[in-house]
PDB file of N, CA and C in Angstrom:
ATOM      1  N   MET A   1      -2.742  -1.119   5.946  1.00  0.00           N
ATOM      2  CA  MET A   1      -3.084  -0.097   4.978  1.00  0.00           C
ATOM      3  C   MET A   1      -2.045   0.908   4.956  1.00  0.00           C
ATOM      4  N   LEU A   2      -1.769   1.407   3.762  1.00  0.00           N
ATOM      5  CA  LEU A   2      -0.970   2.473   3.799  1.00  0.00           C
ATOM      6  C   LEU A   2      -1.570   3.571   3.060  1.00  0.00           C
ATOM      7  N   ALA A   3      -1.356   4.886   3.432  1.00  0.00           N
ATOM      8  CA  ALA A   3      -2.071   6.053   2.656  1.00  0.00           C
ATOM      9  C   ALA A   3      -1.450   6.332   1.402  1.00  0.00           C
ATOM     10  N   GLU A   4      -2.512   6.960   0.642  1.00  0.00           N
ATOM     11  CA  GLU A   4      -1.899   7.151  -0.939  1.00  0.00           C
ATOM     12  C   GLU A   4      -1.006   8.264  -0.858  1.00  0.00           C
ATOM     13  N   PRO A   5       0.193   8.307  -1.471  1.00  0.00           N
ATOM     14  CA  PRO A   5       1.225   9.212  -1.448  1.00  0.00           C
ATOM     15  C   PRO A   5       0.478  10.350  -2.187  1.00  0.00           C
ATOM     16  N   ALA A   6       0.973  11.636  -1.782  1.00  0.00           N
ATOM     17  CA  ALA A   6       0.711  12.958  -2.296  1.00  0.00           C
ATOM     18  C   ALA A   6       1.099  12.844  -3.808  1.00  0.00           C
ATOM     19  N   ALA A   7       2.079  12.602  -3.984  1.00  0.00           N
ATOM     20  CA  ALA A   7       2.712  12.714  -5.554  1.00  0.00           C
ATOM     21  C   ALA A   7       2.202  11.583  -6.459  1.00  0.00           C
ATOM     22  N   ILE A   8       1.088  10.633  -6.088  1.00  0.00           N
ATOM     23  CA  ILE A   8       0.812   9.660  -6.934  1.00  0.00           C
ATOM     24  C   ILE A   8       0.236  10.044  -8.179  1.00  0.00           C
ATOM     25  N   PHE A   9      -0.135  11.316  -8.260  1.00  0.00           N
ATOM     26  CA  PHE A   9      -0.820  11.641  -9.453  1.00  0.00           C
ATOM     27  C   PHE A   9       0.220  11.924 -10.572  1.00  0.00           C
ATOM     28  N   SER A  10       1.234  12.829 -10.197  1.00  0.00           N
ATOM     29  CA  SER A  10       2.417  13.144 -11.041  1.00  0.00           C
ATOM     30  C   SER A  10       3.262  11.882 -11.463  1.00  0.00           C
ATOM     31  N   THR A  11       3.395  10.921 -10.574  1.00  0.00           N
ATOM     32  CA  THR A  11       4.049   9.629 -10.797  1.00  0.00           C
ATOM     33  C   THR A  11       3.412   8.889 -11.789  1.00  0.00           C
ATOM     34  N   TRP A  12       1.981   8.792 -11.716  1.00  0.00           N
ATOM     35  CA  TRP A  12       1.215   7.970 -12.391  1.00  0.00           C
ATOM     36  C   TRP A  12       1.289   8.423 -13.701  1.00  0.00           C
ATOM     37  N   PHE A  13       1.036   9.832 -13.931  1.00  0.00           N
ATOM     38  CA  PHE A  13       0.953  10.416 -15.057  1.00  0.00           C
ATOM     39  C   PHE A  13       2.393  10.271 -16.038  1.00  0.00           C
ATOM     40  N   ALA A  14       3.433  10.577 -15.041  1.00  0.00           N
ATOM     41  CA  ALA A  14       4.656  10.226 -15.827  1.00  0.00           C
ATOM     42  C   ALA A  14       4.994   8.893 -16.339  1.00  0.00           C
ATOM     43  N   LEU A  15       4.588   8.023 -15.542  1.00  0.00           N
ATOM     44  CA  LEU A  15       4.588   6.316 -15.933  1.00  0.00           C
ATOM     45  C   LEU A  15       3.713   6.247 -17.041  1.00  0.00           C
ATOM     46  N   ALA A  16       2.560   6.623 -17.184  1.00  0.00           N
ATOM     47  CA  ALA A  16       1.594   6.603 -18.293  1.00  0.00           C
ATOM     48  C   ALA A  16       2.097   7.136 -19.518  1.00  0.00           C
ATOM     49  N   ARG A  17       3.007   8.197 -19.765  1.00  0.00           N
ATOM     50  CA  ARG A  17       3.517   8.832 -20.697  1.00  0.00           C
ATOM     51  C   ARG A  17       4.683   7.869 -21.264  1.00  0.00           C
ATOM     52  N   THR A  18       5.424   7.343 -20.265  1.00  0.00           N
ATOM     53  CA  THR A  18       6.587   6.529 -20.459  1.00  0.00           C
ATOM     54  C   THR A  18       6.315   5.163 -21.113  1.00  0.00           C
ATOM     55  N   TYR A  19       5.229   4.605 -20.489  1.00  0.00           N
ATOM     56  CA  TYR A  19       4.829   3.336 -20.859  1.00  0.00           C
ATOM     57  C   TYR A  19       3.797   3.437 -21.941  1.00  0.00           C
ATOM     58  N   ARG A  20       3.159   4.457 -22.282  1.00  0.00           N
ATOM     59  CA  ARG A  20       2.205   4.848 -23.154  1.00  0.00           C
ATOM     60  C   ARG A  20       0.801   3.893 -22.994  1.00  0.00           C
ATOM     61  N   VAL A  21       0.443   4.049 -21.646  1.00  0.00           N
ATOM     62  CA  VAL A  21      -0.605   3.206 -20.964  1.00  0.00           C
ATOM     63  C   VAL A  21      -1.945   4.008 -21.045  1.00  0.00           C
ATOM     64  N   SER A  22      -2.916   3.457 -21.356  1.00  0.00           N
ATOM     65  CA  SER A  22      -4.390   4.043 -21.190  1.00  0.00           C
ATOM     66  C   SER A  22      -5.488   2.944 -20.969  1.00  0.00           C
ATOM     67  N   GLY A  23      -6.556   3.445 -20.782  1.00  0.00           N
ATOM     68  CA  GLY A  23      -7.762   2.511 -20.847  1.00  0.00           C
ATOM     69  C   GLY A  23      -7.774   1.691 -19.373  1.00  0.00           C
ATOM     70  N   LYS A  24      -7.801   0.440 -19.375  1.00  0.00           N
ATOM     71  CA  LYS A  24      -8.024  -0.442 -18.347  1.00  0.00           C
ATOM     72  C   LYS A  24      -6.610  -0.869 -17.733  1.00  0.00           C
ATOM     73  N   HIS A  25      -5.578  -0.715 -18.380  1.00  0.00           N
ATOM     74  CA  HIS A  25      -4.354  -0.993 -17.857  1.00  0.00           C
ATOM     75  C   HIS A  25      -3.887   0.255 -17.126  1.00  0.00           C
ATOM     76  N   SER A  26      -4.401   1.326 -17.190  1.00  0.00           N
ATOM     77  CA  SER A  26      -4.047   2.631 -16.250  1.00  0.00           C
ATOM     78  C   SER A  26      -4.339   2.310 -14.823  1.00  0.00           C
ATOM     79  N   HIS A  27      -5.419   1.349 -14.674  1.00  0.00           N
ATOM     80  CA  HIS A  27      -5.407   0.824 -12.985  1.00  0.00           C
ATOM     81  C   HIS A  27      -4.279   0.065 -12.316  1.00  0.00           C
ATOM     82  N   ASP A  28      -3.718  -0.706 -13.245  1.00  0.00           N
ATOM     83  CA  ASP A  28      -2.608  -1.465 -12.968  1.00  0.00           C
ATOM     84  C   ASP A  28      -1.455  -0.602 -12.869  1.00  0.00           C
ATOM     85  N   LEU A  29      -1.204   0.501 -13.571  1.00  0.00           N
ATOM     86  CA  LEU A  29      -0.260   1.417 -13.630  1.00  0.00           C
ATOM     87  C   LEU A  29      -0.497   2.357 -12.247  1.00  0.00           C
ATOM     88  N   ARG A  30      -1.638   2.703 -11.859  1.00  0.00           N
ATOM     89  CA  ARG A  30      -1.708   3.398 -10.684  1.00  0.00           C
ATOM     90  C   ARG A  30      -1.201   2.611  -9.439  1.00  0.00           C
ATOM     91  N   LEU A  31      -1.409   1.360  -9.363  1.00  0.00           N
ATOM     92  CA  LEU A  31      -0.789   0.575  -8.293  1.00  0.00           C
ATOM     93  C   LEU A  31       0.822   0.802  -8.354  1.00  0.00           C
ATOM     94  N   VAL A  32       1.201   0.546  -9.792  1.00  0.00           N
ATOM     95  CA  VAL A  32       2.822   0.547  -9.869  1.00  0.00           C
ATOM     96  C   VAL A  32       3.217   1.948  -9.546  1.00  0.00           C
ATOM     97  N   ALA A  33       2.607   3.152  -9.634  1.00  0.00           N
ATOM     98  CA  ALA A  33       2.935   4.345  -9.313  1.00  0.00           C
ATOM     99  C   ALA A  33       2.910   4.444  -7.704  1.00  0.00           C
ATOM    100  N   THR A  34       1.928   3.832  -7.200  1.00  0.00           N
ATOM    101  CA  THR A  34       1.632   4.107  -5.702  1.00  0.00           C
ATOM    102  C   THR A  34       2.717   3.377  -5.106  1.00  0.00           C
ATOM    103  N   MET A  35       3.019   2.047  -5.813  1.00  0.00           N
ATOM    104  CA  MET A  35       4.260   1.068  -5.002  1.00  0.00           C
ATOM    105  C   MET A  35       5.628   1.903  -5.222  1.00  0.00           C
ATOM    106  N   LYS A  36       5.682   2.776  -6.156  1.00  0.00           N
ATOM    107  CA  LYS A  36       6.982   3.294  -6.591  1.00  0.00           C
ATOM    108  C   LYS A  36       7.267   4.392  -5.490  1.00  0.00           C
ATOM    109  N   GLU A  37       6.172   5.277  -5.204  1.00  0.00           N
ATOM    110  CA  GLU A  37       6.132   6.343  -4.255  1.00  0.00           C
ATOM    111  C   GLU A  37       6.601   5.778  -2.702  1.00  0.00           C
ATOM    112  N   LEU A  38       5.978   4.420  -2.372  1.00  0.00           N
ATOM    113  CA  LEU A  38       6.098   3.882  -1.171  1.00  0.00           C
ATOM    114  C   LEU A  38       7.172   3.131  -1.055  1.00  0.00           C
ATOM    115  N   GLY A  39       8.228   3.099  -2.074  1.00  0.00           N
ATOM    116  CA  GLY A  39       9.444   2.137  -2.048  1.00  0.00           C
ATOM    117  C   GLY A  39       9.112   0.633  -1.936  1.00  0.00           C
ATOM    118  N   ILE A  40       7.885   0.269  -2.414  1.00  0.00           N
ATOM    119  CA  ILE A  40       7.583  -1.273  -2.788  1.00  0.00           C
ATOM    120  C   ILE A  40       8.017  -1.789  -3.927  1.00  0.00           C
ATOM    121  N   GLU A  41       8.694  -2.845  -4.056  1.00  0.00           N
ATOM    122  CA  GLU A  41       9.169  -3.195  -5.298  1.00  0.00           C
ATOM    123  C   GLU A  41       8.722  -4.604  -5.764  1.00  0.00           C
ATOM    124  N   GLU A  42       7.870  -5.249  -4.952  1.00  0.00           N
ATOM    125  CA  GLU A  42       7.207  -6.496  -5.537  1.00  0.00           C
ATOM    126  C   GLU A  42       5.756  -6.648  -4.989  1.00  0.00           C
ATOM    127  N   VAL A  43       5.014  -7.073  -6.283  1.00  0.00           N
ATOM    128  CA  VAL A  43       3.787  -7.163  -5.998  1.00  0.00           C
ATOM    129  C   VAL A  43       3.487  -8.827  -6.259  1.00  0.00           C
ATOM    130  N   VAL A  44       2.455  -9.556  -5.328  1.00  0.00           N
ATOM    131  CA  VAL A  44       2.330 -10.758  -5.334  1.00  0.00           C
ATOM    132  C   VAL A  44       0.830 -10.787  -6.147  1.00  0.00           C
ATOM    133  N   THR A  45       0.916 -11.355  -7.504  1.00  0.00           N
ATOM    134  CA  THR A  45      -0.524 -11.291  -8.103  1.00  0.00           C
ATOM    135  C   THR A  45      -0.678 -12.721  -8.797  1.00  0.00           C
ATOM    136  N   PHE A  46      -1.795 -12.972  -9.175  1.00  0.00           N
ATOM    137  CA  PHE A  46      -2.030 -13.986 -10.207  1.00  0.00           C
ATOM    138  C   PHE A  46      -2.049 -13.590 -11.456  1.00  0.00           C
ATOM    139  N   ASN A  47      -2.068 -12.523 -11.630  1.00  0.00           N
ATOM    140  CA  ASN A  47      -1.949 -11.793 -12.960  1.00  0.00           C
ATOM    141  C   ASN A  47      -0.508 -11.090 -13.462  1.00  0.00           C
ATOM    142  N   ILE A  48       0.474 -12.039 -13.269  1.00  0.00           N
ATOM    143  CA  ILE A  48       1.832 -11.604 -13.652  1.00  0.00           C
ATOM    144  C   ILE A  48       1.815 -10.761 -14.910  1.00  0.00           C
ATOM    145  N   ASP A  49       1.181 -11.222 -16.019  1.00  0.00           N
ATOM    146  CA  ASP A  49       1.278 -10.518 -17.201  1.00  0.00           C
ATOM    147  C   ASP A  49       0.860  -8.825 -17.151  1.00  0.00           C
ATOM    148  N   ASP A  50       0.006  -8.652 -16.472  1.00  0.00           N
ATOM    149  CA  ASP A  50      -0.465  -7.058 -16.108  1.00  0.00           C
ATOM    150  C   ASP A  50       0.590  -6.194 -15.620  1.00  0.00           C
ATOM    151  N   PHE A  51       1.701  -6.754 -15.009  1.00  0.00           N
ATOM    152  CA  PHE A  51       2.940  -6.033 -14.406  1.00  0.00           C
ATOM    153  C   PHE A  51       4.243  -6.483 -15.056  1.00  0.00           C
ATOM    154  N   ASN A  52       4.405  -7.220 -15.889  1.00  0.00           N
ATOM    155  CA  ASN A  52       5.533  -7.738 -16.428  1.00  0.00           C
ATOM    156  C   ASN A  52       6.247  -6.514 -17.300  1.00  0.00           C
ATOM    157  N   GLY A  53       5.582  -5.603 -17.621  1.00  0.00           N
ATOM    158  CA  GLY A  53       6.019  -4.562 -18.707  1.00  0.00           C
ATOM    159  C   GLY A  53       6.771  -3.472 -17.990  1.00  0.00           C
ATOM    160  N   PHE A  54       6.463  -3.328 -16.545  1.00  0.00           N
ATOM    161  CA  PHE A  54       6.958  -2.157 -15.755  1.00  0.00           C
ATOM    162  C   PHE A  54       8.242  -2.500 -14.920  1.00  0.00           C
ATOM    163  N   ALA A  55       9.311  -1.946 -15.591  1.00  0.00           N
ATOM    164  CA  ALA A  55      10.477  -2.114 -14.834  1.00  0.00           C
ATOM    165  C   ALA A  55      10.604  -1.551 -13.154  1.00  0.00           C
ATOM    166  N   GLU A  56       9.793  -0.694 -12.711  1.00  0.00           N
ATOM    167  CA  GLU A  56       9.834  -0.434 -11.496  1.00  0.00           C
ATOM    168  C   GLU A  56       9.401  -1.539 -10.448  1.00  0.00           C
ATOM    169  N   ILE A  57       8.730  -2.247 -10.873  1.00  0.00           N
ATOM    170  CA  ILE A  57       8.425  -3.582  -9.898  1.00  0.00           C
ATOM    171  C   ILE A  57       8.697  -4.722 -10.406  1.00  0.00           C
ATOM    172  N   THR A  58       8.569  -5.833  -9.384  1.00  0.00           N
ATOM    173  CA  THR A  58       8.672  -7.442  -9.840  1.00  0.00           C
ATOM    174  C   THR A  58       7.413  -7.973  -9.466  1.00  0.00           C
ATOM    175  N   ALA A  59       6.820  -8.340 -10.442  1.00  0.00           N
ATOM    176  CA  ALA A  59       5.489  -9.175 -10.168  1.00  0.00           C
ATOM    177  C   ALA A  59       6.047 -10.656  -9.631  1.00  0.00           C
ATOM    178  N   VAL A  60       5.367 -11.250  -8.779  1.00  0.00           N
ATOM    179  CA  VAL A  60       5.728 -12.494  -8.167  1.00  0.00           C
ATOM    180  C   VAL A  60       4.187 -13.312  -8.056  1.00  0.00           C
ATOM    181  N   HIS A  61       4.305 -14.419  -8.680  1.00  0.00           N
ATOM    182  CA  HIS A  61       3.182 -15.388  -8.607  1.00  0.00           C
ATOM    183  C   HIS A  61       3.061 -15.850  -7.297  1.00  0.00           C
ATOM    184  N   PRO A  62       1.830 -16.239  -6.605  1.00  0.00           N
ATOM    185  CA  PRO A  62       1.913 -16.853  -5.325  1.00  0.00           C
ATOM    186  C   PRO A  62       2.428 -18.293  -5.391  1.00  0.00           C
ATOM    187  N   ALA A  63       2.214 -19.100  -6.389  1.00  0.00           N
ATOM    188  CA  ALA A  63       2.565 -20.381  -6.389  1.00  0.00           C
ATOM    189  C   ALA A  63       4.330 -20.529  -6.250  1.00  0.00           C
ATOM    190  N   THR A  64       5.004 -19.381  -6.604  1.00  0.00           N
ATOM    191  CA  THR A  64       6.075 -19.426  -6.537  1.00  0.00           C
ATOM    192  C   THR A  64       7.035 -18.951  -5.159  1.00  0.00           C
ATOM    193  N   LEU A  65       6.115 -19.112  -4.019  1.00  0.00           N
ATOM    194  CA  LEU A  65       6.416 -18.479  -2.930  1.00  0.00           C
ATOM    195  C   LEU A  65       6.658 -19.546  -2.020  1.00  0.00           C
ATOM    196  N   GLY A  66       6.172 -20.951  -2.421  1.00  0.00           N
ATOM    197  CA  GLY A  66       6.540 -22.038  -1.551  1.00  0.00           C
ATOM    198  C   GLY A  66       5.937 -21.886  -0.276  1.00  0.00           C
ATOM    199  N   VAL A  67       4.679 -21.180  -0.033  1.00  0.00           N
ATOM    200  CA  VAL A  67       3.888 -21.268   1.155  1.00  0.00           C
ATOM    201  C   VAL A  67       2.967 -21.985   1.135  1.00  0.00           C
ATOM    202  N   GLY A  68       2.781 -22.758   2.277  1.00  0.00           N
ATOM    203  CA  GLY A  68       1.577 -23.654   2.325  1.00  0.00           C
ATOM    204  C   GLY A  68       2.117 -24.981   2.674  1.00  0.00           C
TER     205      GLY A  68
END
């Protein structure tokens, strides 16, 4: 577990303006903002489409990892 960065709100707000995100997708964007503040560039998710529009991160589907 990582602590939520203090700058999360300003980063989240700036990204929301940049990408014009509101509603339920703002939750995905909050994760992107947190990742950006922590220097995390990839997220492993079954919901690739939820993150494909954000240049700050790369969404990776678990099936592409070749694990197992």
